[in-house]
Amino acid sequence: METEKDQFAAESGKLAKCEVCGNEYDKCFEVRKNGEMHVFDSFECAIHALAPTCTHCGCRIIGHGMEMNGVFFCCAHCAEQYGIHEFEDRVEPEQDRSSA
């Protein structure tokens, strides 16, 4: 059964309504996640609706982030605050620091 959202994909130039802010816009885009289709007018709204949230600080994770056992973190510092010490934000290559 075709829904209104499915019809939007096939009709360019048609106004669609962002599911976050309600803006009706002719340049909305669709995102499919876990088999569900969503319509947004901006990446900001898409991030607000779909990006995971850091368990420690609550920010939206728009990069790769870090995950352990289904718990998401934006960085190694936040994971460490939660008691997970296995993550590193950046691994520095081993080099002779005396030449710096």
PDB file of N, CA and C in Angstrom:
ATOM      1  N   MET A   1       0.839  -1.178   0.000  1.00  0.00           N
ATOM      2  CA  MET A   1       0.000   0.000   0.000  1.00  0.00           C
ATOM      3  C   MET A   1       0.885   1.242   0.000  1.00  0.00           C
ATOM      4  N   GLU A   2       0.706   2.120  -0.956  1.00  0.00           N
ATOM      5  CA  GLU A   2       1.509   3.323  -1.082  1.00  0.00           C
ATOM      6  C   GLU A   2       0.972   4.407  -0.156  1.00  0.00           C
ATOM      7  N   THR A   3       1.885   5.010   0.597  1.00  0.00           N
ATOM      8  CA  THR A   3       1.498   6.086   1.512  1.00  0.00           C
ATOM      9  C   THR A   3       1.781   7.436   0.865  1.00  0.00           C
ATOM     10  N   GLU A   4       1.342   8.496   1.517  1.00  0.00           N
ATOM     11  CA  GLU A   4       1.604   9.848   1.016  1.00  0.00           C
ATOM     12  C   GLU A   4       3.097  10.108   0.933  1.00  0.00           C
ATOM     13  N   LYS A   5       3.859   9.606   1.919  1.00  0.00           N
ATOM     14  CA  LYS A   5       5.309   9.786   1.895  1.00  0.00           C
ATOM     15  C   LYS A   5       5.923   9.088   0.688  1.00  0.00           C
ATOM     16  N   ASP A   6       5.430   7.881   0.356  1.00  0.00           N
ATOM     17  CA  ASP A   6       5.945   7.160  -0.807  1.00  0.00           C
ATOM     18  C   ASP A   6       5.652   7.919  -2.087  1.00  0.00           C
ATOM     19  N   GLN A   7       4.493   8.528  -2.173  1.00  0.00           N
ATOM     20  CA  GLN A   7       4.129   9.284  -3.364  1.00  0.00           C
ATOM     21  C   GLN A   7       5.022  10.501  -3.530  1.00  0.00           C
ATOM     22  N   PHE A   8       5.440  11.106  -2.417  1.00  0.00           N
ATOM     23  CA  PHE A   8       6.308  12.282  -2.471  1.00  0.00           C
ATOM     24  C   PHE A   8       7.590  11.980  -3.224  1.00  0.00           C
ATOM     25  N   ALA A   9       8.149  10.779  -3.041  1.00  0.00           N
ATOM     26  CA  ALA A   9       9.416  10.418  -3.658  1.00  0.00           C
ATOM     27  C   ALA A   9       9.342  10.462  -5.175  1.00  0.00           C
ATOM     28  N   ALA A  10       8.198  10.152  -5.728  1.00  0.00           N
ATOM     29  CA  ALA A  10       8.053  10.064  -7.168  1.00  0.00           C
ATOM     30  C   ALA A  10       7.681  11.386  -7.818  1.00  0.00           C
ATOM     31  N   GLU A  11       7.279  12.373  -7.051  1.00  0.00           N
ATOM     32  CA  GLU A  11       6.774  13.616  -7.618  1.00  0.00           C
ATOM     33  C   GLU A  11       7.694  14.782  -7.259  1.00  0.00           C
ATOM     34  N   SER A  12       8.568  15.166  -8.193  1.00  0.00           N
ATOM     35  CA  SER A  12       9.461  16.284  -7.905  1.00  0.00           C
ATOM     36  C   SER A  12       8.672  17.585  -7.936  1.00  0.00           C
ATOM     37  N   GLY A  13       9.093  18.524  -7.110  1.00  0.00           N
ATOM     38  CA  GLY A  13       8.441  19.821  -7.066  1.00  0.00           C
ATOM     39  C   GLY A  13       7.215  19.878  -6.178  1.00  0.00           C
ATOM     40  N   LYS A  14       6.759  18.749  -5.670  1.00  0.00           N
ATOM     41  CA  LYS A  14       5.588  18.736  -4.808  1.00  0.00           C
ATOM     42  C   LYS A  14       5.983  19.173  -3.404  1.00  0.00           C
ATOM     43  N   LEU A  15       5.150  19.981  -2.791  1.00  0.00           N
ATOM     44  CA  LEU A  15       5.412  20.376  -1.416  1.00  0.00           C
ATOM     45  C   LEU A  15       5.261  19.165  -0.512  1.00  0.00           C
ATOM     46  N   ALA A  16       6.195  19.036   0.407  1.00  0.00           N
ATOM     47  CA  ALA A  16       6.111  17.994   1.421  1.00  0.00           C
ATOM     48  C   ALA A  16       6.269  18.666   2.774  1.00  0.00           C
ATOM     49  N   LYS A  17       5.899  17.971   3.808  1.00  0.00           N
ATOM     50  CA  LYS A  17       5.922  18.549   5.150  1.00  0.00           C
ATOM     51  C   LYS A  17       6.988  17.845   5.986  1.00  0.00           C
ATOM     52  N   CYS A  18       7.891  18.629   6.569  1.00  0.00           N
ATOM     53  CA  CYS A  18       8.935  18.089   7.441  1.00  0.00           C
ATOM     54  C   CYS A  18       8.276  17.515   8.692  1.00  0.00           C
ATOM     55  N   GLU A  19       8.648  16.296   9.034  1.00  0.00           N
ATOM     56  CA  GLU A  19       8.009  15.654  10.193  1.00  0.00           C
ATOM     57  C   GLU A  19       8.492  16.204  11.526  1.00  0.00           C
ATOM     58  N   VAL A  20       9.553  17.011  11.530  1.00  0.00           N
ATOM     59  CA  VAL A  20      10.042  17.593  12.779  1.00  0.00           C
ATOM     60  C   VAL A  20       9.463  18.979  13.005  1.00  0.00           C
ATOM     61  N   CYS A  21       9.668  19.878  12.039  1.00  0.00           N
ATOM     62  CA  CYS A  21       9.266  21.270  12.253  1.00  0.00           C
ATOM     63  C   CYS A  21       7.938  21.630  11.596  1.00  0.00           C
ATOM     64  N   GLY A  22       7.453  20.770  10.703  1.00  0.00           N
ATOM     65  CA  GLY A  22       6.176  21.025  10.057  1.00  0.00           C
ATOM     66  C   GLY A  22       6.239  21.952   8.860  1.00  0.00           C
ATOM     67  N   ASN A  23       7.452  22.378   8.480  1.00  0.00           N
ATOM     68  CA  ASN A  23       7.607  23.266   7.336  1.00  0.00           C
ATOM     69  C   ASN A  23       7.203  22.555   6.048  1.00  0.00           C
ATOM     70  N   GLU A  24       6.365  23.199   5.249  1.00  0.00           N
ATOM     71  CA  GLU A  24       6.031  22.677   3.934  1.00  0.00           C
ATOM     72  C   GLU A  24       7.008  23.283   2.945  1.00  0.00           C
ATOM     73  N   TYR A  25       7.697  22.414   2.193  1.00  0.00           N
ATOM     74  CA  TYR A  25       8.843  22.851   1.402  1.00  0.00           C
ATOM     75  C   TYR A  25       8.938  21.990   0.159  1.00  0.00           C
ATOM     76  N   ASP A  26       9.328  22.604  -0.969  1.00  0.00           N
ATOM     77  CA  ASP A  26       9.419  21.841  -2.217  1.00  0.00           C
ATOM     78  C   ASP A  26      10.751  21.105  -2.372  1.00  0.00           C
ATOM     79  N   LYS A  27      11.668  21.277  -1.431  1.00  0.00           N
ATOM     80  CA  LYS A  27      12.969  20.617  -1.510  1.00  0.00           C
ATOM     81  C   LYS A  27      13.208  19.662  -0.331  1.00  0.00           C
ATOM     82  N   CYS A  28      12.140  19.153   0.228  1.00  0.00           N
ATOM     83  CA  CYS A  28      12.276  18.160   1.299  1.00  0.00           C
ATOM     84  C   CYS A  28      12.975  16.921   0.746  1.00  0.00           C
ATOM     85  N   PHE A  29      13.529  16.129   1.627  1.00  0.00           N
ATOM     86  CA  PHE A  29      14.182  14.894   1.224  1.00  0.00           C
ATOM     87  C   PHE A  29      13.745  13.769   2.147  1.00  0.00           C
ATOM     88  N   GLU A  30      13.962  12.561   1.690  1.00  0.00           N
ATOM     89  CA  GLU A  30      13.563  11.372   2.432  1.00  0.00           C
ATOM     90  C   GLU A  30      14.785  10.661   2.999  1.00  0.00           C
ATOM     91  N   VAL A  31      14.607  10.064   4.148  1.00  0.00           N
ATOM     92  CA  VAL A  31      15.627   9.216   4.750  1.00  0.00           C
ATOM     93  C   VAL A  31      14.932   7.940   5.185  1.00  0.00           C
ATOM     94  N   ARG A  32      15.507   6.820   4.824  1.00  0.00           N
ATOM     95  CA  ARG A  32      14.984   5.530   5.282  1.00  0.00           C
ATOM     96  C   ARG A  32      15.892   4.994   6.381  1.00  0.00           C
ATOM     97  N   LYS A  33      15.287   4.593   7.476  1.00  0.00           N
ATOM     98  CA  LYS A  33      16.032   4.031   8.603  1.00  0.00           C
ATOM     99  C   LYS A  33      15.225   2.881   9.177  1.00  0.00           C
ATOM    100  N   ASN A  34      15.853   1.743   9.272  1.00  0.00           N
ATOM    101  CA  ASN A  34      15.203   0.546   9.814  1.00  0.00           C
ATOM    102  C   ASN A  34      13.867   0.259   9.139  1.00  0.00           C
ATOM    103  N   GLY A  35      13.827   0.463   7.826  1.00  0.00           N
ATOM    104  CA  GLY A  35      12.624   0.161   7.070  1.00  0.00           C
ATOM    105  C   GLY A  35      11.544   1.230   7.112  1.00  0.00           C
ATOM    106  N   GLU A  36      11.771   2.302   7.857  1.00  0.00           N
ATOM    107  CA  GLU A  36      10.788   3.387   7.935  1.00  0.00           C
ATOM    108  C   GLU A  36      11.283   4.581   7.137  1.00  0.00           C
ATOM    109  N   MET A  37      10.376   5.240   6.439  1.00  0.00           N
ATOM    110  CA  MET A  37      10.724   6.401   5.653  1.00  0.00           C
ATOM    111  C   MET A  37      10.336   7.667   6.399  1.00  0.00           C
ATOM    112  N   HIS A  38      11.250   8.640   6.382  1.00  0.00           N
ATOM    113  CA  HIS A  38      11.048   9.916   7.059  1.00  0.00           C
ATOM    114  C   HIS A  38      11.242  11.047   6.050  1.00  0.00           C
ATOM    115  N   VAL A  39      10.561  12.165   6.248  1.00  0.00           N
ATOM    116  CA  VAL A  39      10.670  13.323   5.373  1.00  0.00           C
ATOM    117  C   VAL A  39      11.122  14.523   6.203  1.00  0.00           C
ATOM    118  N   PHE A  40      12.169  15.220   5.694  1.00  0.00           N
ATOM    119  CA  PHE A  40      12.725  16.384   6.393  1.00  0.00           C
ATOM    120  C   PHE A  40      12.969  17.512   5.409  1.00  0.00           C
ATOM    121  N   ASP A  41      12.998  18.735   5.945  1.00  0.00           N
ATOM    122  CA  ASP A  41      13.326  19.890   5.107  1.00  0.00           C
ATOM    123  C   ASP A  41      14.765  20.342   5.290  1.00  0.00           C
ATOM    124  N   SER A  42      15.477  19.770   6.264  1.00  0.00           N
ATOM    125  CA  SER A  42      16.868  20.156   6.502  1.00  0.00           C
ATOM    126  C   SER A  42      17.605  19.021   7.209  1.00  0.00           C
ATOM    127  N   PHE A  43      18.932  19.060   7.086  1.00  0.00           N
ATOM    128  CA  PHE A  43      19.733  18.081   7.811  1.00  0.00           C
ATOM    129  C   PHE A  43      19.576  18.283   9.309  1.00  0.00           C
ATOM    130  N   GLU A  44      19.405  19.516   9.734  1.00  0.00           N
ATOM    131  CA  GLU A  44      19.210  19.803  11.155  1.00  0.00           C
ATOM    132  C   GLU A  44      18.013  19.033  11.716  1.00  0.00           C
ATOM    133  N   CYS A  45      16.908  19.039  10.989  1.00  0.00           N
ATOM    134  CA  CYS A  45      15.725  18.304  11.445  1.00  0.00           C
ATOM    135  C   CYS A  45      15.962  16.792  11.400  1.00  0.00           C
ATOM    136  N   ALA A  46      16.659  16.323  10.365  1.00  0.00           N
ATOM    137  CA  ALA A  46      16.955  14.891  10.261  1.00  0.00           C
ATOM    138  C   ALA A  46      17.830  14.434  11.428  1.00  0.00           C
ATOM    139  N   ILE A  47      18.834  15.229  11.760  1.00  0.00           N
ATOM    140  CA  ILE A  47      19.710  14.901  12.894  1.00  0.00           C
ATOM    141  C   ILE A  47      18.907  14.897  14.190  1.00  0.00           C
ATOM    142  N   HIS A  48      18.071  15.890  14.373  1.00  0.00           N
ATOM    143  CA  HIS A  48      17.248  15.976  15.583  1.00  0.00           C
ATOM    144  C   HIS A  48      16.394  14.723  15.758  1.00  0.00           C
ATOM    145  N   ALA A  49      15.854  14.227  14.653  1.00  0.00           N
ATOM    146  CA  ALA A  49      14.942  13.081  14.733  1.00  0.00           C
ATOM    147  C   ALA A  49      15.644  11.737  14.768  1.00  0.00           C
ATOM    148  N   LEU A  50      16.783  11.601  14.081  1.00  0.00           N
ATOM    149  CA  LEU A  50      17.336  10.268  13.855  1.00  0.00           C
ATOM    150  C   LEU A  50      18.693   9.988  14.488  1.00  0.00           C
ATOM    151  N   ALA A  51      19.479  11.017  14.771  1.00  0.00           N
ATOM    152  CA  ALA A  51      20.822  10.771  15.295  1.00  0.00           C
ATOM    153  C   ALA A  51      20.754  10.243  16.726  1.00  0.00           C
ATOM    154  N   PRO A  52      21.624   9.296  17.042  1.00  0.00           N
ATOM    155  CA  PRO A  52      21.650   8.805  18.428  1.00  0.00           C
ATOM    156  C   PRO A  52      22.137   9.902  19.374  1.00  0.00           C
ATOM    157  N   THR A  53      21.841   9.746  20.644  1.00  0.00           N
ATOM    158  CA  THR A  53      22.210  10.711  21.671  1.00  0.00           C
ATOM    159  C   THR A  53      23.289  10.119  22.566  1.00  0.00           C
ATOM    160  N   CYS A  54      24.295  10.919  22.890  1.00  0.00           N
ATOM    161  CA  CYS A  54      25.355  10.477  23.796  1.00  0.00           C
ATOM    162  C   CYS A  54      24.744  10.198  25.169  1.00  0.00           C
ATOM    163  N   THR A  55      25.043   9.037  25.692  1.00  0.00           N
ATOM    164  CA  THR A  55      24.504   8.620  26.987  1.00  0.00           C
ATOM    165  C   THR A  55      24.995   9.516  28.121  1.00  0.00           C
ATOM    166  N   HIS A  56      26.215  10.041  27.993  1.00  0.00           N
ATOM    167  CA  HIS A  56      26.766  10.857  29.078  1.00  0.00           C
ATOM    168  C   HIS A  56      26.339  12.325  28.996  1.00  0.00           C
ATOM    169  N   CYS A  57      26.616  12.982  27.867  1.00  0.00           N
ATOM    170  CA  CYS A  57      26.383  14.436  27.802  1.00  0.00           C
ATOM    171  C   CYS A  57      25.080  14.818  27.104  1.00  0.00           C
ATOM    172  N   GLY A  58      24.471  13.898  26.375  1.00  0.00           N
ATOM    173  CA  GLY A  58      23.189  14.167  25.751  1.00  0.00           C
ATOM    174  C   GLY A  58      23.243  14.818  24.381  1.00  0.00           C
ATOM    175  N   CYS A  59      24.454  15.078  23.846  1.00  0.00           N
ATOM    176  CA  CYS A  59      24.512  15.707  22.524  1.00  0.00           C
ATOM    177  C   CYS A  59      24.147  14.691  21.440  1.00  0.00           C
ATOM    178  N   ARG A  60      23.723  15.200  20.292  1.00  0.00           N
ATOM    179  CA  ARG A  60      23.415  14.343  19.142  1.00  0.00           C
ATOM    180  C   ARG A  60      24.724  13.922  18.497  1.00  0.00           C
ATOM    181  N   ILE A  61      24.835  12.656  18.159  1.00  0.00           N
ATOM    182  CA  ILE A  61      26.048  12.131  17.554  1.00  0.00           C
ATOM    183  C   ILE A  61      25.866  12.140  16.043  1.00  0.00           C
ATOM    184  N   ILE A  62      26.588  13.046  15.376  1.00  0.00           N
ATOM    185  CA  ILE A  62      26.448  13.151  13.928  1.00  0.00           C
ATOM    186  C   ILE A  62      27.671  12.620  13.188  1.00  0.00           C
ATOM    187  N   GLY A  63      28.688  12.222  13.915  1.00  0.00           N
ATOM    188  CA  GLY A  63      29.846  11.558  13.326  1.00  0.00           C
ATOM    189  C   GLY A  63      29.721  10.067  13.580  1.00  0.00           C
ATOM    190  N   HIS A  64      30.851   9.407  13.618  1.00  0.00           N
ATOM    191  CA  HIS A  64      30.825   7.965  13.853  1.00  0.00           C
ATOM    192  C   HIS A  64      30.428   7.627  15.279  1.00  0.00           C
ATOM    193  N   GLY A  65      30.851   8.432  16.226  1.00  0.00           N
ATOM    194  CA  GLY A  65      30.523   8.147  17.611  1.00  0.00           C
ATOM    195  C   GLY A  65      31.143   6.835  18.065  1.00  0.00           C
ATOM    196  N   MET A  66      30.745   6.387  19.215  1.00  0.00           N
ATOM    197  CA  MET A  66      31.252   5.150  19.795  1.00  0.00           C
ATOM    198  C   MET A  66      30.087   4.419  20.429  1.00  0.00           C
ATOM    199  N   GLU A  67      30.133   3.106  20.339  1.00  0.00           N
ATOM    200  CA  GLU A  67      29.031   2.308  20.869  1.00  0.00           C
ATOM    201  C   GLU A  67      29.583   1.060  21.533  1.00  0.00           C
ATOM    202  N   MET A  68      29.003   0.724  22.671  1.00  0.00           N
ATOM    203  CA  MET A  68      29.322  -0.535  23.333  1.00  0.00           C
ATOM    204  C   MET A  68      28.047  -1.077  23.950  1.00  0.00           C
ATOM    205  N   ASN A  69      27.700  -2.296  23.579  1.00  0.00           N
ATOM    206  CA  ASN A  69      26.507  -2.961  24.111  1.00  0.00           C
ATOM    207  C   ASN A  69      25.241  -2.114  23.949  1.00  0.00           C
ATOM    208  N   GLY A  70      25.126  -1.451  22.789  1.00  0.00           N
ATOM    209  CA  GLY A  70      23.933  -0.664  22.515  1.00  0.00           C
ATOM    210  C   GLY A  70      23.880   0.687  23.193  1.00  0.00           C
ATOM    211  N   VAL A  71      24.963   1.098  23.854  1.00  0.00           N
ATOM    212  CA  VAL A  71      25.033   2.395  24.511  1.00  0.00           C
ATOM    213  C   VAL A  71      25.945   3.288  23.666  1.00  0.00           C
ATOM    214  N   PHE A  72      25.470   4.504  23.334  1.00  0.00           N
ATOM    215  CA  PHE A  72      26.196   5.389  22.430  1.00  0.00           C
ATOM    216  C   PHE A  72      26.881   6.526  23.172  1.00  0.00           C
ATOM    217  N   PHE A  73      28.065   6.910  22.659  1.00  0.00           N
ATOM    218  CA  PHE A  73      28.830   8.029  23.204  1.00  0.00           C
ATOM    219  C   PHE A  73      29.360   8.863  22.055  1.00  0.00           C
ATOM    220  N   CYS A  74      29.508  10.164  22.285  1.00  0.00           N
ATOM    221  CA  CYS A  74      30.038  11.044  21.241  1.00  0.00           C
ATOM    222  C   CYS A  74      31.554  10.995  21.189  1.00  0.00           C
ATOM    223  N   CYS A  75      32.200  10.641  22.307  1.00  0.00           N
ATOM    224  CA  CYS A  75      33.668  10.633  22.357  1.00  0.00           C
ATOM    225  C   CYS A  75      34.140   9.695  23.467  1.00  0.00           C
ATOM    226  N   ALA A  76      35.452   9.436  23.467  1.00  0.00           N
ATOM    227  CA  ALA A  76      36.034   8.554  24.478  1.00  0.00           C
ATOM    228  C   ALA A  76      35.907   9.150  25.876  1.00  0.00           C
ATOM    229  N   HIS A  77      36.000  10.466  25.999  1.00  0.00           N
ATOM    230  CA  HIS A  77      35.871  11.106  27.308  1.00  0.00           C
ATOM    231  C   HIS A  77      34.516  10.786  27.939  1.00  0.00           C
ATOM    232  N   CYS A  78      33.450  10.909  27.152  1.00  0.00           N
ATOM    233  CA  CYS A  78      32.116  10.616  27.688  1.00  0.00           C
ATOM    234  C   CYS A  78      31.978   9.137  28.037  1.00  0.00           C
ATOM    235  N   ALA A  79      32.544   8.272  27.218  1.00  0.00           N
ATOM    236  CA  ALA A  79      32.500   6.839  27.525  1.00  0.00           C
ATOM    237  C   ALA A  79      33.229   6.557  28.827  1.00  0.00           C
ATOM    238  N   GLU A  80      34.371   7.214  29.025  1.00  0.00           N
ATOM    239  CA  GLU A  80      35.142   7.026  30.245  1.00  0.00           C
ATOM    240  C   GLU A  80      34.360   7.492  31.474  1.00  0.00           C
ATOM    241  N   GLN A  81      33.634   8.586  31.348  1.00  0.00           N
ATOM    242  CA  GLN A  81      32.819   9.082  32.452  1.00  0.00           C
ATOM    243  C   GLN A  81      31.729   8.081  32.827  1.00  0.00           C
ATOM    244  N   TYR A  82      31.365   7.270  31.868  1.00  0.00           N
ATOM    245  CA  TYR A  82      30.341   6.238  32.064  1.00  0.00           C
ATOM    246  C   TYR A  82      30.956   4.932  32.568  1.00  0.00           C
ATOM    247  N   GLY A  83      32.303   4.891  32.646  1.00  0.00           N
ATOM    248  CA  GLY A  83      33.003   3.702  33.141  1.00  0.00           C
ATOM    249  C   GLY A  83      33.543   2.788  32.063  1.00  0.00           C
ATOM    250  N   ILE A  84      33.512   3.236  30.815  1.00  0.00           N
ATOM    251  CA  ILE A  84      34.053   2.432  29.717  1.00  0.00           C
ATOM    252  C   ILE A  84      35.394   3.039  29.319  1.00  0.00           C
ATOM    253  N   HIS A  85      36.467   2.280  29.485  1.00  0.00           N
ATOM    254  CA  HIS A  85      37.817   2.802  29.282  1.00  0.00           C
ATOM    255  C   HIS A  85      38.497   2.245  28.032  1.00  0.00           C
ATOM    256  N   GLU A  86      37.787   1.465  27.236  1.00  0.00           N
ATOM    257  CA  GLU A  86      38.387   0.817  26.071  1.00  0.00           C
ATOM    258  C   GLU A  86      38.504   1.716  24.843  1.00  0.00           C
ATOM    259  N   PHE A  87      37.847   2.878  24.825  1.00  0.00           N
ATOM    260  CA  PHE A  87      37.831   3.733  23.638  1.00  0.00           C
ATOM    261  C   PHE A  87      38.934   4.781  23.676  1.00  0.00           C
ATOM    262  N   GLU A  88      39.382   5.188  22.490  1.00  0.00           N
ATOM    263  CA  GLU A  88      40.303   6.313  22.342  1.00  0.00           C
ATOM    264  C   GLU A  88      39.766   7.196  21.232  1.00  0.00           C
ATOM    265  N   ASP A  89      39.786   8.511  21.449  1.00  0.00           N
ATOM    266  CA  ASP A  89      39.331   9.431  20.409  1.00  0.00           C
ATOM    267  C   ASP A  89      40.281   9.442  19.223  1.00  0.00           C
ATOM    268  N   ARG A  90      41.566   9.432  19.508  1.00  0.00           N
ATOM    269  CA  ARG A  90      42.563   9.468  18.436  1.00  0.00           C
ATOM    270  C   ARG A  90      43.764   8.672  18.900  1.00  0.00           C
ATOM    271  N   VAL A  91      44.236   7.831  18.051  1.00  0.00           N
ATOM    272  CA  VAL A  91      45.421   7.045  18.374  1.00  0.00           C
ATOM    273  C   VAL A  91      46.601   7.699  17.677  1.00  0.00           C
ATOM    274  N   GLU A  92      47.536   8.186  18.479  1.00  0.00           N
ATOM    275  CA  GLU A  92      48.721   8.834  17.927  1.00  0.00           C
ATOM    276  C   GLU A  92      49.701   7.760  17.478  1.00  0.00           C
ATOM    277  N   PRO A  93      50.313   7.950  16.293  1.00  0.00           N
ATOM    278  CA  PRO A  93      51.327   6.991  15.856  1.00  0.00           C
ATOM    279  C   PRO A  93      52.539   7.078  16.773  1.00  0.00           C
ATOM    280  N   GLU A  94      53.173   5.951  16.988  1.00  0.00           N
ATOM    281  CA  GLU A  94      54.378   5.956  17.813  1.00  0.00           C
ATOM    282  C   GLU A  94      55.486   6.638  17.036  1.00  0.00           C
ATOM    283  N   GLN A  95      56.119   7.621  17.657  1.00  0.00           N
ATOM    284  CA  GLN A  95      57.205   8.317  17.023  1.00  0.00           C
ATOM    285  C   GLN A  95      58.128   8.867  18.091  1.00  0.00           C
ATOM    286  N   ASP A  96      59.307   9.181  17.702  1.00  0.00           N
ATOM    287  CA  ASP A  96      60.282   9.726  18.637  1.00  0.00           C
ATOM    288  C   ASP A  96      59.922  11.178  18.909  1.00  0.00           C
ATOM    289  N   ARG A  97      59.428  11.448  20.090  1.00  0.00           N
ATOM    290  CA  ARG A  97      59.007  12.800  20.433  1.00  0.00           C
ATOM    291  C   ARG A  97      60.185  13.715  20.772  1.00  0.00           C
ATOM    292  N   SER A  98      61.368  13.149  20.936  1.00  0.00           N
ATOM    293  CA  SER A  98      62.537  13.986  21.274  1.00  0.00           C
ATOM    294  C   SER A  98      62.974  14.853  20.104  1.00  0.00           C
ATOM    295  N   SER A  99      62.549  14.502  18.885  1.00  0.00           N
ATOM    296  CA  SER A  99      62.919  15.301  17.732  1.00  0.00           C
ATOM    297  C   SER A  99      61.971  16.472  17.502  1.00  0.00           C
ATOM    298  N   ALA A 100      60.925  16.533  18.284  1.00  0.00           N
ATOM    299  CA  ALA A 100      59.930  17.613  18.091  1.00  0.00           C
ATOM    300  C   ALA A 100      60.347  18.906  18.720  1.00  0.00           C
TER     301      ALA A 100
END
